Amino acid sequence: MAAVKAKQKPINPKLGQVYQAIRRYKVEHGGLSPSIRELCALTGVSSTSVLRYYLRQLQASGHISIAQDFSSRHISLPGEIYTPPAKVDVA
């Protein structure tokens, strides 16, 4: 049975690009969120202020949740669970 997601408002293509970049990064890094500067590089956004605006818009639309201190490393995607990669002992 698929998880039921909270109702989310539609978003424009640029916000969709930012959202998809966050999802890809979290999958590739075991749930770790990208930094603001990493997101700028991934999406081609040159201004950290503009990117923060996009993150606030995604939060307002219900697509992401951000910690109260607005740390980009604490972005969560409602309804998504990530498993950290297994640790490998190097002998």
Protein backbone atom coordinates (compact mmCIF):
# COMPACT_ATOMS: atom_id res chain seq x y z
CA MET A 1 0.00 0.00 0.00
CA ALA A 2 1.41 3.40 -1.00
CA ALA A 3 1.95 6.08 1.62
CA VAL A 4 -0.60 8.88 1.56
CA LYS A 5 1.03 12.27 1.17
CA ALA A 6 -0.38 15.47 2.59
CA LYS A 7 -2.14 17.67 0.07
CA GLN A 8 0.44 19.82 -1.66
CA LYS A 9 -0.12 22.93 -3.72
CA PRO A 10 1.11 22.92 -7.35
CA ILE A 11 4.52 24.51 -7.90
CA ASN A 12 6.14 26.27 -10.86
CA PRO A 13 8.93 24.63 -12.94
CA LYS A 14 11.80 26.38 -11.10
CA LEU A 15 10.51 25.26 -7.71
CA GLY A 16 10.09 21.78 -9.19
CA GLN A 17 13.73 21.85 -10.25
CA VAL A 18 14.85 22.78 -6.73
CA TYR A 19 12.59 20.09 -5.21
CA GLN A 20 13.94 17.41 -7.55
CA ALA A 21 17.53 18.46 -6.79
CA ILE A 22 16.84 18.04 -3.07
CA ARG A 23 15.28 14.60 -3.64
CA ARG A 24 18.18 13.40 -5.82
CA TYR A 25 20.77 14.67 -3.34
CA LYS A 26 19.03 12.99 -0.40
CA VAL A 27 18.84 9.67 -2.26
CA GLU A 28 22.48 9.84 -3.34
CA HIS A 29 23.69 10.83 0.15
CA GLY A 30 21.61 8.53 2.35
CA GLY A 31 19.15 11.18 3.51
CA LEU A 32 21.61 14.03 4.09
CA SER A 33 20.26 17.36 2.85
CA PRO A 34 22.30 19.61 0.55
CA SER A 35 23.69 22.93 1.75
CA ILE A 36 22.37 26.17 0.28
CA ARG A 37 25.49 26.55 -1.88
CA GLU A 38 25.28 22.94 -3.07
CA LEU A 39 21.66 23.54 -4.05
CA CYS A 40 22.67 26.69 -5.91
CA ALA A 41 25.25 24.68 -7.86
CA LEU A 42 22.80 21.83 -8.56
CA THR A 43 20.06 24.14 -9.82
CA GLY A 44 22.03 26.94 -11.47
CA VAL A 45 20.66 29.55 -9.06
CA SER A 46 23.38 32.16 -8.57
CA SER A 47 21.97 33.83 -5.44
CA THR A 48 21.65 32.17 -2.04
CA SER A 49 18.89 34.66 -1.20
CA VAL A 50 16.86 33.56 -4.21
CA LEU A 51 17.38 29.92 -3.28
CA ARG A 52 16.20 30.60 0.28
CA TYR A 53 13.11 32.26 -1.22
CA TYR A 54 12.48 29.10 -3.29
CA LEU A 55 12.88 26.95 -0.16
CA ARG A 56 10.35 29.10 1.71
CA GLN A 57 7.94 28.71 -1.21
CA LEU A 58 8.39 24.92 -1.20
CA GLN A 59 7.82 24.89 2.55
CA ALA A 60 4.66 27.01 2.24
CA SER A 61 3.32 24.67 -0.45
CA GLY A 62 3.88 21.62 1.77
CA HIS A 63 6.58 20.00 -0.39
CA ILE A 64 9.38 20.30 2.19
CA SER A 65 9.83 20.92 5.88
CA ILE A 66 12.76 22.96 7.20
CA ALA A 67 14.13 23.12 10.75
CA GLN A 68 13.29 26.32 12.62
CA ASP A 69 16.87 27.59 12.37
CA PHE A 70 16.41 27.43 8.56
CA SER A 71 19.42 25.20 8.15
CA SER A 72 19.40 23.70 4.67
CA ARG A 73 20.97 20.58 6.16
CA HIS A 74 17.68 19.97 7.95
CA ILE A 75 15.28 19.75 5.01
CA SER A 76 12.83 16.89 5.15
CA LEU A 77 10.46 15.71 2.47
CA PRO A 78 7.08 14.72 3.96
CA GLY A 79 6.36 11.02 3.51
CA GLU A 80 9.89 10.09 2.44
CA ILE A 81 12.27 7.89 4.41
CA TYR A 82 15.96 7.51 3.62
CA THR A 83 18.32 4.80 4.79
CA PRO A 84 21.90 5.85 5.44
CA PRO A 85 24.52 3.83 3.57
CA ALA A 86 26.06 0.91 5.44
CA LYS A 87 29.31 1.67 7.23
CA VAL A 88 32.32 -0.21 5.98
CA ASP A 89 35.19 -1.01 8.33
CA VAL A 90 38.54 -0.31 6.76
CA ALA A 91 41.23 -2.50 8.22
